[in-house]
């Protein structure tokens, strides 16, 4: 999640869609003169020193409920990013197996092990479907940007928020090794709701 009172922007962070790159580039991260400021990690504080923990990957309804305690966001634009559903799950596997020690810790040796855990009912935000955020009851987004467009640079965001000026480009992590057509077929089945919902953004 990210908020910026100068640009009147509220961002809902769907994991593995480029959100970390996005969130660190807003004025709120370095200008302490606004109505709210970041305090410690994922905590907002207003001028009266009222604090609220907003977390990193919350749903829009929960974010709004918490922010109401310290700031009026009724005129903010609500935005998020989406990513090709298959590529995003590849990225989740890279996150767990290359960036973090999650795969090693749980004895996962292939992407199927991660998918097995998800299908067993375990819930980690990095592999939850994007519809978990996008299709929350009552959730309305003013702008939904594609991860793939942002790989080319921030121009799509800057058309709406001219002050946004990130340092460096959004980059992908290393390619996923040993991915098979069988893996892809399984992802398409497991994440069919994402694929169906995101047809308006992607050609399959």
N, C-alpha and C. Protein backbone atom coordinates (compact mmCIF):
# COMPACT_ATOMS: atom_id res chain seq x y z
N UNK A 1 0.86 -1.19 0.00
CA UNK A 1 0.00 0.00 0.00
C UNK A 1 0.89 1.24 0.00
N UNK A 2 0.43 2.27 -0.66
CA UNK A 2 1.12 3.56 -0.61
C UNK A 2 0.08 4.66 -0.73
N UNK A 3 0.40 5.77 -0.12
CA UNK A 3 -0.48 6.94 -0.17
C UNK A 3 0.41 8.15 -0.40
N UNK A 4 -0.09 9.15 -1.12
CA UNK A 4 0.67 10.38 -1.31
C UNK A 4 -0.30 11.56 -1.28
N UNK A 5 -0.24 12.40 -0.23
CA UNK A 5 -1.22 13.47 -0.08
C UNK A 5 -1.04 14.60 -1.09
N UNK A 6 0.14 14.77 -1.67
CA UNK A 6 0.36 15.82 -2.66
C UNK A 6 -0.30 15.45 -3.99
N UNK A 7 -0.18 14.21 -4.39
CA UNK A 7 -0.79 13.76 -5.65
C UNK A 7 -2.19 13.22 -5.47
N UNK A 8 -2.64 13.13 -4.22
CA UNK A 8 -3.97 12.58 -3.91
C UNK A 8 -4.09 11.17 -4.50
N UNK A 9 -3.16 10.32 -4.12
CA UNK A 9 -3.06 8.97 -4.65
C UNK A 9 -3.09 7.94 -3.53
N UNK A 10 -3.89 6.90 -3.72
CA UNK A 10 -3.91 5.75 -2.83
C UNK A 10 -3.69 4.50 -3.67
N UNK A 11 -2.64 3.77 -3.35
CA UNK A 11 -2.22 2.61 -4.14
C UNK A 11 -2.44 1.32 -3.36
N UNK A 12 -3.15 0.38 -3.96
CA UNK A 12 -3.36 -0.95 -3.39
C UNK A 12 -2.32 -1.88 -4.02
N UNK A 13 -1.46 -2.43 -3.19
CA UNK A 13 -0.31 -3.19 -3.67
C UNK A 13 -0.63 -4.68 -3.78
N UNK A 14 -0.85 -5.13 -5.00
CA UNK A 14 -0.98 -6.56 -5.28
C UNK A 14 0.44 -7.12 -5.42
N UNK A 15 0.83 -8.12 -4.64
CA UNK A 15 2.21 -8.61 -4.68
C UNK A 15 2.63 -9.11 -6.06
N UNK A 16 3.91 -8.98 -6.36
CA UNK A 16 4.55 -9.45 -7.59
C UNK A 16 4.05 -8.70 -8.82
N UNK A 17 3.73 -7.43 -8.66
CA UNK A 17 3.30 -6.61 -9.80
C UNK A 17 4.14 -5.34 -9.94
N UNK A 18 5.29 -5.28 -9.24
CA UNK A 18 6.16 -4.11 -9.33
C UNK A 18 5.89 -3.06 -8.27
N UNK A 19 5.19 -3.41 -7.24
CA UNK A 19 4.76 -2.43 -6.26
C UNK A 19 5.85 -1.84 -5.39
N UNK A 20 6.88 -2.62 -5.08
CA UNK A 20 7.94 -2.09 -4.22
C UNK A 20 8.67 -0.96 -4.94
N UNK A 21 9.00 -1.17 -6.21
CA UNK A 21 9.62 -0.13 -7.03
C UNK A 21 8.74 1.12 -7.04
N UNK A 22 7.45 0.91 -7.13
CA UNK A 22 6.50 2.01 -7.23
C UNK A 22 6.40 2.80 -5.93
N UNK A 23 6.32 2.13 -4.83
CA UNK A 23 5.99 2.80 -3.57
C UNK A 23 7.12 3.66 -3.02
N UNK A 24 8.37 3.34 -3.34
CA UNK A 24 9.48 4.08 -2.75
C UNK A 24 9.75 5.41 -3.42
N UNK A 25 8.97 5.79 -4.42
CA UNK A 25 9.30 6.96 -5.23
C UNK A 25 8.38 8.16 -5.00
N UNK A 26 7.53 8.10 -4.00
CA UNK A 26 6.58 9.19 -3.79
C UNK A 26 7.10 10.22 -2.80
N UNK A 27 6.59 11.42 -2.94
CA UNK A 27 7.05 12.54 -2.12
C UNK A 27 6.90 12.27 -0.63
N UNK A 28 5.87 11.52 -0.27
CA UNK A 28 5.63 11.24 1.15
C UNK A 28 6.82 10.56 1.83
N UNK A 29 7.66 9.91 1.04
CA UNK A 29 8.80 9.20 1.60
C UNK A 29 9.93 10.13 2.06
N UNK A 30 9.93 11.38 1.56
CA UNK A 30 11.03 12.27 1.94
C UNK A 30 10.58 13.66 2.41
N UNK A 31 9.32 14.03 2.17
CA UNK A 31 8.83 15.36 2.56
C UNK A 31 7.94 15.21 3.79
N UNK A 32 8.36 15.81 4.88
CA UNK A 32 7.65 15.67 6.15
C UNK A 32 6.70 16.84 6.42
N UNK A 33 6.39 17.62 5.39
CA UNK A 33 5.54 18.81 5.58
C UNK A 33 4.07 18.55 5.30
N UNK A 34 3.72 17.35 4.87
CA UNK A 34 2.35 17.05 4.49
C UNK A 34 1.46 16.70 5.67
N UNK A 35 0.19 16.44 5.40
CA UNK A 35 -0.76 16.11 6.47
C UNK A 35 -0.50 14.76 7.13
N UNK A 36 0.18 13.86 6.40
CA UNK A 36 0.57 12.57 6.99
C UNK A 36 1.98 12.26 6.54
N UNK A 37 2.66 11.39 7.28
CA UNK A 37 4.01 10.97 6.92
C UNK A 37 4.22 9.52 7.31
N UNK A 38 5.17 8.89 6.61
CA UNK A 38 5.56 7.54 7.01
C UNK A 38 6.29 7.61 8.33
N UNK A 39 5.96 6.70 9.22
CA UNK A 39 6.64 6.63 10.51
C UNK A 39 7.05 5.18 10.71
N UNK A 40 8.35 4.98 10.83
CA UNK A 40 8.89 3.62 10.89
C UNK A 40 8.49 2.87 9.63
N UNK A 41 8.03 1.64 9.71
CA UNK A 41 7.78 0.83 8.52
C UNK A 41 6.29 0.51 8.39
N UNK A 42 5.67 1.01 7.30
CA UNK A 42 4.27 0.75 7.00
C UNK A 42 3.33 1.32 8.07
N UNK A 43 3.76 2.41 8.69
CA UNK A 43 2.92 3.10 9.67
C UNK A 43 2.79 4.56 9.23
N UNK A 44 1.58 5.08 9.24
CA UNK A 44 1.33 6.48 8.92
C UNK A 44 1.07 7.27 10.19
N UNK A 45 1.54 8.52 10.20
CA UNK A 45 1.33 9.38 11.35
C UNK A 45 0.88 10.75 10.85
N UNK A 46 -0.14 11.35 11.49
CA UNK A 46 -0.56 12.69 11.10
C UNK A 46 0.09 13.72 12.03
N UNK A 47 -0.25 15.00 11.81
CA UNK A 47 0.39 16.08 12.56
C UNK A 47 0.08 16.04 14.05
N UNK A 48 -1.01 15.37 14.40
CA UNK A 48 -1.36 15.24 15.82
C UNK A 48 -0.71 14.02 16.45
N UNK A 49 0.17 13.38 15.67
CA UNK A 49 0.91 12.19 16.12
C UNK A 49 0.02 10.97 16.32
N UNK A 50 -1.13 10.98 15.68
CA UNK A 50 -1.95 9.77 15.65
C UNK A 50 -1.35 8.83 14.62
N UNK A 51 -1.22 7.56 14.98
CA UNK A 51 -0.57 6.60 14.10
C UNK A 51 -1.54 5.48 13.74
N UNK A 52 -1.32 4.92 12.55
CA UNK A 52 -2.09 3.75 12.14
C UNK A 52 -1.19 2.85 11.30
N UNK A 53 -1.22 1.56 11.61
CA UNK A 53 -0.47 0.58 10.83
C UNK A 53 -1.30 0.18 9.62
N UNK A 54 -0.74 0.37 8.43
CA UNK A 54 -1.50 0.11 7.20
C UNK A 54 -1.07 -1.15 6.48
N UNK A 55 0.04 -1.74 6.87
CA UNK A 55 0.48 -2.98 6.23
C UNK A 55 0.97 -2.76 4.81
N UNK A 56 1.24 -3.86 4.11
CA UNK A 56 1.82 -3.77 2.77
C UNK A 56 0.86 -4.21 1.68
N UNK A 57 0.07 -5.26 1.94
CA UNK A 57 -0.74 -5.85 0.88
C UNK A 57 -2.21 -5.98 1.25
N UNK A 58 -2.74 -4.99 1.95
CA UNK A 58 -4.13 -5.07 2.38
C UNK A 58 -5.12 -4.85 1.25
N UNK A 59 -6.35 -5.27 1.49
CA UNK A 59 -7.44 -4.98 0.56
C UNK A 59 -7.88 -3.54 0.73
N UNK A 60 -8.57 -3.03 -0.29
CA UNK A 60 -8.97 -1.63 -0.29
C UNK A 60 -9.87 -1.28 0.89
N UNK A 61 -10.82 -2.14 1.22
CA UNK A 61 -11.75 -1.83 2.32
C UNK A 61 -11.00 -1.68 3.64
N UNK A 62 -10.05 -2.57 3.89
CA UNK A 62 -9.28 -2.50 5.14
C UNK A 62 -8.39 -1.26 5.18
N UNK A 63 -7.78 -0.93 4.05
CA UNK A 63 -6.94 0.26 3.97
C UNK A 63 -7.76 1.51 4.27
N UNK A 64 -8.93 1.61 3.65
CA UNK A 64 -9.77 2.78 3.85
C UNK A 64 -10.20 2.91 5.31
N UNK A 65 -10.58 1.79 5.90
CA UNK A 65 -11.02 1.81 7.30
C UNK A 65 -9.94 2.34 8.21
N UNK A 66 -8.70 1.92 7.98
CA UNK A 66 -7.60 2.37 8.83
C UNK A 66 -7.27 3.84 8.58
N UNK A 67 -7.24 4.23 7.31
CA UNK A 67 -6.85 5.60 6.99
C UNK A 67 -7.86 6.63 7.49
N UNK A 68 -9.11 6.24 7.61
CA UNK A 68 -10.14 7.16 8.10
C UNK A 68 -9.81 7.69 9.49
N UNK A 69 -8.99 6.95 10.22
CA UNK A 69 -8.64 7.35 11.57
C UNK A 69 -7.74 8.59 11.59
N UNK A 70 -7.03 8.85 10.47
CA UNK A 70 -6.05 9.94 10.51
C UNK A 70 -6.12 10.91 9.33
N UNK A 71 -6.83 10.57 8.25
CA UNK A 71 -6.83 11.45 7.08
C UNK A 71 -8.07 11.21 6.23
N UNK A 72 -8.57 12.27 5.60
CA UNK A 72 -9.69 12.18 4.68
C UNK A 72 -9.16 11.85 3.29
N UNK A 73 -9.56 10.71 2.73
CA UNK A 73 -9.08 10.30 1.41
C UNK A 73 -10.23 10.26 0.40
N UNK A 74 -11.31 10.98 0.68
CA UNK A 74 -12.49 10.91 -0.18
C UNK A 74 -12.22 11.42 -1.59
N UNK A 75 -11.22 12.30 -1.76
CA UNK A 75 -10.93 12.83 -3.09
C UNK A 75 -9.66 12.23 -3.70
N UNK A 76 -9.20 11.13 -3.16
CA UNK A 76 -7.98 10.48 -3.67
C UNK A 76 -8.33 9.55 -4.84
N UNK A 77 -7.42 9.46 -5.80
CA UNK A 77 -7.55 8.47 -6.86
C UNK A 77 -7.00 7.14 -6.36
N UNK A 78 -7.76 6.08 -6.58
CA UNK A 78 -7.36 4.74 -6.11
C UNK A 78 -6.83 3.95 -7.30
N UNK A 79 -5.62 3.45 -7.17
CA UNK A 79 -4.97 2.78 -8.28
C UNK A 79 -4.35 1.46 -7.84
N UNK A 80 -4.03 0.62 -8.82
CA UNK A 80 -3.29 -0.61 -8.57
C UNK A 80 -2.60 -1.05 -9.85
N UNK A 81 -1.78 -2.09 -9.75
CA UNK A 81 -1.11 -2.70 -10.91
C UNK A 81 -1.59 -4.13 -11.06
N UNK A 82 -1.61 -4.60 -12.30
CA UNK A 82 -1.87 -6.01 -12.56
C UNK A 82 -0.72 -6.56 -13.40
N UNK A 83 -0.63 -7.89 -13.44
CA UNK A 83 0.44 -8.57 -14.19
C UNK A 83 -0.14 -9.81 -14.85
N UNK A 84 0.41 -10.17 -15.99
CA UNK A 84 -0.05 -11.39 -16.67
C UNK A 84 -0.08 -12.52 -15.64
N UNK A 85 -1.22 -13.21 -15.48
CA UNK A 85 -1.37 -14.17 -14.39
C UNK A 85 -0.31 -15.28 -14.37
N UNK A 86 0.07 -15.79 -15.51
CA UNK A 86 1.06 -16.87 -15.54
C UNK A 86 2.43 -16.33 -15.15
N UNK A 87 2.80 -15.20 -15.73
CA UNK A 87 4.10 -14.59 -15.41
C UNK A 87 4.19 -14.22 -13.93
N UNK A 88 3.08 -13.78 -13.36
CA UNK A 88 3.09 -13.40 -11.95
C UNK A 88 3.35 -14.61 -11.05
N UNK A 89 2.78 -15.74 -11.39
CA UNK A 89 3.02 -16.94 -10.56
C UNK A 89 4.45 -17.43 -10.74
N UNK A 90 4.99 -17.28 -11.94
CA UNK A 90 6.43 -17.56 -12.12
C UNK A 90 7.24 -16.67 -11.18
N UNK A 91 6.86 -15.39 -11.13
CA UNK A 91 7.57 -14.45 -10.28
C UNK A 91 7.44 -14.82 -8.80
N UNK A 92 6.28 -15.32 -8.42
CA UNK A 92 6.09 -15.76 -7.03
C UNK A 92 7.04 -16.90 -6.70
N UNK A 93 7.20 -17.82 -7.64
CA UNK A 93 8.12 -18.93 -7.42
C UNK A 93 9.56 -18.42 -7.32
N UNK A 94 9.93 -17.47 -8.16
CA UNK A 94 11.27 -16.88 -8.07
C UNK A 94 11.48 -16.22 -6.71
N UNK A 95 10.46 -15.52 -6.25
CA UNK A 95 10.55 -14.85 -4.95
C UNK A 95 10.81 -15.85 -3.83
N UNK A 96 10.07 -16.95 -3.84
CA UNK A 96 10.19 -17.94 -2.78
C UNK A 96 11.45 -18.79 -2.89
N UNK A 97 11.95 -18.98 -4.11
CA UNK A 97 13.06 -19.92 -4.30
C UNK A 97 14.42 -19.26 -4.53
N UNK A 98 14.41 -18.00 -5.02
CA UNK A 98 15.67 -17.32 -5.32
C UNK A 98 15.93 -16.16 -4.36
N UNK A 99 14.92 -15.33 -4.15
CA UNK A 99 15.08 -14.14 -3.31
C UNK A 99 14.98 -14.50 -1.82
N UNK A 100 13.97 -15.26 -1.48
CA UNK A 100 13.75 -15.67 -0.10
C UNK A 100 14.10 -17.15 0.09
N UNK A 101 14.21 -17.56 1.36
CA UNK A 101 14.52 -18.96 1.67
C UNK A 101 13.27 -19.80 1.90
N UNK A 102 12.12 -19.29 1.50
CA UNK A 102 10.87 -19.99 1.76
C UNK A 102 10.87 -21.39 1.18
N UNK A 103 11.28 -21.53 -0.08
CA UNK A 103 11.28 -22.85 -0.71
C UNK A 103 12.20 -23.81 0.04
N UNK A 104 13.39 -23.36 0.37
CA UNK A 104 14.35 -24.19 1.09
C UNK A 104 13.80 -24.59 2.46
N UNK A 105 13.20 -23.63 3.13
CA UNK A 105 12.67 -23.87 4.48
C UNK A 105 11.58 -24.92 4.48
N UNK A 106 10.76 -24.94 3.40
CA UNK A 106 9.63 -25.86 3.35
C UNK A 106 9.89 -27.09 2.48
N UNK A 107 11.12 -27.21 1.97
CA UNK A 107 11.46 -28.37 1.17
C UNK A 107 10.88 -28.37 -0.23
N UNK A 108 10.53 -27.19 -0.74
CA UNK A 108 10.01 -27.11 -2.10
C UNK A 108 11.17 -27.22 -3.09
N UNK A 109 11.03 -28.04 -4.07
CA UNK A 109 12.07 -28.17 -5.09
C UNK A 109 11.60 -27.72 -6.47
N UNK A 110 10.28 -27.62 -6.65
CA UNK A 110 9.73 -27.16 -7.93
C UNK A 110 8.54 -26.24 -7.68
N UNK A 111 8.13 -25.58 -8.73
CA UNK A 111 6.97 -24.70 -8.63
C UNK A 111 5.71 -25.48 -8.26
N UNK A 112 5.68 -26.76 -8.60
CA UNK A 112 4.52 -27.58 -8.22
C UNK A 112 4.36 -27.69 -6.72
N UNK A 113 5.48 -27.70 -6.00
CA UNK A 113 5.39 -27.76 -4.54
C UNK A 113 4.70 -26.51 -3.99
N UNK A 114 5.03 -25.36 -4.55
CA UNK A 114 4.37 -24.12 -4.13
C UNK A 114 2.88 -24.16 -4.46
N UNK A 115 2.55 -24.63 -5.65
CA UNK A 115 1.14 -24.72 -6.06
C UNK A 115 0.39 -25.74 -5.21
N UNK A 116 1.06 -26.81 -4.83
CA UNK A 116 0.44 -27.80 -3.93
C UNK A 116 0.03 -27.14 -2.62
N UNK A 117 0.92 -26.30 -2.09
CA UNK A 117 0.61 -25.65 -0.82
C UNK A 117 -0.61 -24.73 -0.98
N UNK A 118 -0.64 -23.98 -2.05
CA UNK A 118 -1.77 -23.08 -2.27
C UNK A 118 -3.07 -23.88 -2.38
N UNK A 119 -3.06 -24.95 -3.12
CA UNK A 119 -4.27 -25.75 -3.30
C UNK A 119 -4.68 -26.47 -2.02
N UNK A 120 -3.74 -26.63 -1.10
CA UNK A 120 -4.07 -27.29 0.17
C UNK A 120 -4.82 -26.35 1.11
N UNK A 121 -4.86 -25.07 0.76
CA UNK A 121 -5.59 -24.11 1.59
C UNK A 121 -4.70 -23.11 2.30
N UNK A 122 -3.38 -23.25 2.16
CA UNK A 122 -2.46 -22.28 2.75
C UNK A 122 -2.62 -20.95 2.01
N UNK A 123 -2.37 -19.84 2.70
CA UNK A 123 -2.55 -18.54 2.07
C UNK A 123 -1.34 -17.64 2.32
N UNK A 124 -0.55 -17.44 1.28
CA UNK A 124 0.54 -16.46 1.29
C UNK A 124 0.18 -15.40 0.25
N UNK A 125 0.36 -14.14 0.56
CA UNK A 125 -0.11 -13.10 -0.35
C UNK A 125 0.58 -13.15 -1.71
N UNK A 126 1.81 -13.65 -1.76
CA UNK A 126 2.54 -13.63 -3.03
C UNK A 126 1.94 -14.56 -4.08
N UNK A 127 1.17 -15.55 -3.68
CA UNK A 127 0.56 -16.41 -4.71
C UNK A 127 -0.97 -16.38 -4.68
N UNK A 128 -1.56 -15.50 -3.87
CA UNK A 128 -3.01 -15.33 -3.95
C UNK A 128 -3.38 -14.78 -5.33
N UNK A 129 -4.54 -15.13 -5.86
CA UNK A 129 -4.95 -14.58 -7.17
C UNK A 129 -5.15 -13.07 -7.08
N UNK A 130 -4.94 -12.38 -8.18
CA UNK A 130 -5.11 -10.93 -8.21
C UNK A 130 -6.56 -10.52 -7.97
N UNK A 131 -7.48 -11.42 -8.29
CA UNK A 131 -8.90 -11.12 -8.05
C UNK A 131 -9.22 -11.00 -6.56
N UNK A 132 -8.34 -11.52 -5.70
CA UNK A 132 -8.51 -11.36 -4.26
C UNK A 132 -8.61 -9.87 -3.91
N UNK A 133 -7.84 -9.04 -4.61
CA UNK A 133 -7.86 -7.59 -4.41
C UNK A 133 -8.82 -6.90 -5.38
N UNK A 134 -8.75 -7.30 -6.64
CA UNK A 134 -9.50 -6.60 -7.68
C UNK A 134 -11.01 -6.76 -7.56
N UNK A 135 -11.44 -7.92 -7.10
CA UNK A 135 -12.88 -8.23 -7.08
C UNK A 135 -13.47 -8.18 -5.68
N UNK A 136 -12.77 -7.56 -4.76
CA UNK A 136 -13.35 -7.38 -3.43
C UNK A 136 -14.66 -6.62 -3.56
N UNK A 137 -15.67 -7.03 -2.83
CA UNK A 137 -16.97 -6.39 -2.91
C UNK A 137 -16.87 -4.90 -2.59
N UNK A 138 -17.37 -4.09 -3.51
CA UNK A 138 -17.37 -2.64 -3.30
C UNK A 138 -16.09 -1.93 -3.70
N UNK A 139 -15.06 -2.69 -4.09
CA UNK A 139 -13.79 -2.06 -4.47
C UNK A 139 -13.89 -1.42 -5.85
N UNK A 140 -13.50 -0.16 -5.94
CA UNK A 140 -13.50 0.55 -7.21
C UNK A 140 -12.15 1.23 -7.40
N UNK A 141 -11.56 1.00 -8.55
CA UNK A 141 -10.25 1.57 -8.86
C UNK A 141 -10.39 2.61 -9.97
N UNK A 142 -9.75 3.75 -9.76
CA UNK A 142 -9.78 4.80 -10.78
C UNK A 142 -8.85 4.46 -11.95
N UNK A 143 -7.74 3.80 -11.64
CA UNK A 143 -6.78 3.44 -12.68
C UNK A 143 -6.14 2.10 -12.34
N UNK A 144 -6.05 1.24 -13.34
CA UNK A 144 -5.35 -0.04 -13.20
C UNK A 144 -4.27 -0.07 -14.28
N UNK A 145 -3.01 -0.12 -13.84
CA UNK A 145 -1.88 -0.12 -14.76
C UNK A 145 -1.33 -1.53 -14.93
N UNK A 146 -0.77 -1.79 -16.11
CA UNK A 146 -0.16 -3.09 -16.39
C UNK A 146 1.33 -3.06 -16.05
N UNK A 147 1.77 -4.08 -15.34
CA UNK A 147 3.18 -4.27 -15.01
C UNK A 147 4.03 -4.20 -16.28
N UNK A 148 3.57 -4.82 -17.34
CA UNK A 148 4.33 -4.89 -18.58
C UNK A 148 4.55 -3.51 -19.20
N UNK A 149 3.58 -2.61 -19.05
CA UNK A 149 3.75 -1.24 -19.54
C UNK A 149 4.76 -0.48 -18.69
N UNK A 150 4.75 -0.74 -17.39
CA UNK A 150 5.65 -0.04 -16.49
C UNK A 150 7.10 -0.46 -16.66
N UNK A 151 7.33 -1.64 -17.23
CA UNK A 151 8.70 -2.06 -17.54
C UNK A 151 9.36 -1.08 -18.51
N UNK A 152 8.54 -0.38 -19.30
CA UNK A 152 9.06 0.58 -20.28
C UNK A 152 9.36 1.93 -19.65
N UNK A 153 8.91 2.14 -18.43
CA UNK A 153 9.12 3.42 -17.76
C UNK A 153 7.85 3.92 -17.10
N UNK A 154 7.94 5.05 -16.39
CA UNK A 154 6.80 5.53 -15.58
C UNK A 154 5.81 6.43 -16.32
N UNK A 155 5.89 6.54 -17.63
CA UNK A 155 5.08 7.53 -18.35
C UNK A 155 3.59 7.34 -18.15
N UNK A 156 3.13 6.09 -18.10
CA UNK A 156 1.70 5.86 -17.92
C UNK A 156 1.21 6.44 -16.59
N UNK A 157 2.00 6.30 -15.55
CA UNK A 157 1.63 6.85 -14.25
C UNK A 157 1.76 8.37 -14.27
N UNK A 158 2.79 8.89 -14.90
CA UNK A 158 3.04 10.33 -14.90
C UNK A 158 1.98 11.13 -15.66
N UNK A 159 1.26 10.47 -16.57
CA UNK A 159 0.16 11.16 -17.26
C UNK A 159 -0.91 11.59 -16.27
N UNK A 160 -1.05 10.85 -15.21
CA UNK A 160 -2.08 11.12 -14.20
C UNK A 160 -1.49 11.80 -12.97
N UNK A 161 -0.25 11.42 -12.61
CA UNK A 161 0.44 11.98 -11.45
C UNK A 161 1.79 12.54 -11.89
N UNK A 162 1.82 13.78 -12.40
CA UNK A 162 3.05 14.36 -12.96
C UNK A 162 4.22 14.40 -11.99
N UNK A 163 3.94 14.47 -10.69
CA UNK A 163 5.02 14.56 -9.71
C UNK A 163 5.76 13.24 -9.53
N UNK A 164 5.17 12.17 -10.00
CA UNK A 164 5.80 10.86 -9.78
C UNK A 164 7.08 10.76 -10.60
N UNK A 165 8.21 10.52 -9.93
CA UNK A 165 9.50 10.50 -10.62
C UNK A 165 10.43 9.47 -9.98
N UNK A 166 10.23 8.20 -10.31
CA UNK A 166 11.04 7.14 -9.68
C UNK A 166 12.49 7.16 -10.16
N UNK A 167 13.36 6.67 -9.31
CA UNK A 167 14.77 6.53 -9.67
C UNK A 167 14.96 5.15 -10.30
N UNK A 168 15.40 5.14 -11.53
CA UNK A 168 15.63 3.86 -12.20
C UNK A 168 14.36 3.24 -12.74
N UNK A 169 14.54 2.20 -13.52
CA UNK A 169 13.41 1.50 -14.14
C UNK A 169 13.00 0.29 -13.33
N UNK A 170 11.75 -0.09 -13.52
CA UNK A 170 11.27 -1.35 -12.99
C UNK A 170 11.98 -2.48 -13.74
N UNK A 171 12.46 -3.47 -13.02
CA UNK A 171 13.21 -4.57 -13.64
C UNK A 171 12.62 -5.91 -13.23
N UNK A 172 12.82 -6.88 -14.08
CA UNK A 172 12.39 -8.24 -13.77
C UNK A 172 13.52 -8.96 -13.05
N UNK A 173 13.17 -9.98 -12.28
CA UNK A 173 14.18 -10.85 -11.69
C UNK A 173 14.57 -11.92 -12.72
N UNK A 174 15.45 -12.81 -12.34
CA UNK A 174 15.97 -13.81 -13.27
C UNK A 174 14.86 -14.71 -13.82
N UNK A 175 15.12 -15.31 -14.98
CA UNK A 175 14.16 -16.23 -15.57
C UNK A 175 13.95 -17.44 -14.67
N UNK A 176 12.77 -18.02 -14.78
CA UNK A 176 12.44 -19.21 -14.00
C UNK A 176 12.98 -20.44 -14.72
N UNK A 177 13.81 -21.24 -14.05
CA UNK A 177 14.33 -22.45 -14.71
C UNK A 177 13.33 -23.61 -14.66
N UNK A 178 13.44 -24.48 -15.62
CA UNK A 178 12.71 -25.76 -15.61
C UNK A 178 11.19 -25.62 -15.55
N UNK A 179 10.64 -24.62 -16.25
CA UNK A 179 9.20 -24.48 -16.34
C UNK A 179 8.72 -25.28 -17.56
N UNK A 180 7.71 -26.09 -17.36
CA UNK A 180 7.21 -26.95 -18.43
C UNK A 180 5.82 -26.52 -18.88
N UNK A 181 5.41 -27.04 -20.01
CA UNK A 181 4.04 -26.78 -20.47
C UNK A 181 3.02 -27.32 -19.49
N UNK A 182 3.39 -28.40 -18.81
CA UNK A 182 2.50 -28.96 -17.79
C UNK A 182 2.30 -27.98 -16.64
N UNK A 183 3.39 -27.30 -16.24
CA UNK A 183 3.29 -26.27 -15.20
C UNK A 183 2.35 -25.16 -15.64
N UNK A 184 2.52 -24.71 -16.87
CA UNK A 184 1.70 -23.62 -17.39
C UNK A 184 0.23 -24.01 -17.42
N UNK A 185 -0.04 -25.23 -17.86
CA UNK A 185 -1.42 -25.73 -17.91
C UNK A 185 -2.03 -25.76 -16.51
N UNK A 186 -1.23 -26.17 -15.54
CA UNK A 186 -1.74 -26.24 -14.18
C UNK A 186 -2.03 -24.83 -13.64
N UNK A 187 -1.16 -23.87 -13.90
CA UNK A 187 -1.37 -22.50 -13.45
C UNK A 187 -2.64 -21.92 -14.07
N UNK A 188 -2.83 -22.20 -15.36
CA UNK A 188 -4.04 -21.71 -16.03
C UNK A 188 -5.30 -22.24 -15.38
N UNK A 189 -5.25 -23.46 -14.92
CA UNK A 189 -6.42 -24.06 -14.27
C UNK A 189 -6.63 -23.49 -12.87
N UNK A 190 -5.55 -23.41 -12.10
CA UNK A 190 -5.67 -22.93 -10.73
C UNK A 190 -6.09 -21.46 -10.70
N UNK A 191 -5.53 -20.67 -11.61
CA UNK A 191 -5.77 -19.23 -11.60
C UNK A 191 -6.71 -18.80 -12.74
N UNK A 192 -7.68 -19.65 -13.02
CA UNK A 192 -8.59 -19.37 -14.13
C UNK A 192 -9.43 -18.12 -13.88
N UNK A 193 -9.70 -17.79 -12.61
CA UNK A 193 -10.46 -16.58 -12.32
C UNK A 193 -9.66 -15.33 -12.69
N UNK A 194 -8.36 -15.35 -12.39
CA UNK A 194 -7.50 -14.24 -12.79
C UNK A 194 -7.46 -14.12 -14.31
N UNK A 195 -7.29 -15.24 -14.98
CA UNK A 195 -7.19 -15.24 -16.44
C UNK A 195 -8.48 -14.72 -17.05
N UNK A 196 -9.61 -15.13 -16.50
CA UNK A 196 -10.90 -14.67 -17.02
C UNK A 196 -11.08 -13.17 -16.78
N UNK A 197 -10.77 -12.72 -15.58
CA UNK A 197 -10.98 -11.31 -15.24
C UNK A 197 -10.04 -10.40 -16.02
N UNK A 198 -8.82 -10.85 -16.24
CA UNK A 198 -7.81 -9.99 -16.86
C UNK A 198 -7.77 -10.09 -18.39
N UNK A 199 -8.73 -10.76 -18.98
CA UNK A 199 -8.79 -10.83 -20.44
C UNK A 199 -8.88 -9.44 -21.08
N UNK A 200 -9.44 -8.50 -20.36
CA UNK A 200 -9.57 -7.14 -20.89
C UNK A 200 -8.20 -6.46 -21.02
N UNK A 201 -7.20 -7.00 -20.33
CA UNK A 201 -5.86 -6.41 -20.35
C UNK A 201 -4.85 -7.24 -21.15
N UNK A 202 -5.12 -8.53 -21.31
CA UNK A 202 -4.13 -9.42 -21.92
C UNK A 202 -4.77 -10.31 -22.98
N UNK A 203 -3.99 -10.59 -24.03
CA UNK A 203 -4.38 -11.58 -25.03
C UNK A 203 -3.77 -12.91 -24.62
N UNK A 204 -4.57 -13.94 -24.56
CA UNK A 204 -4.05 -15.25 -24.16
C UNK A 204 -3.99 -16.18 -25.38
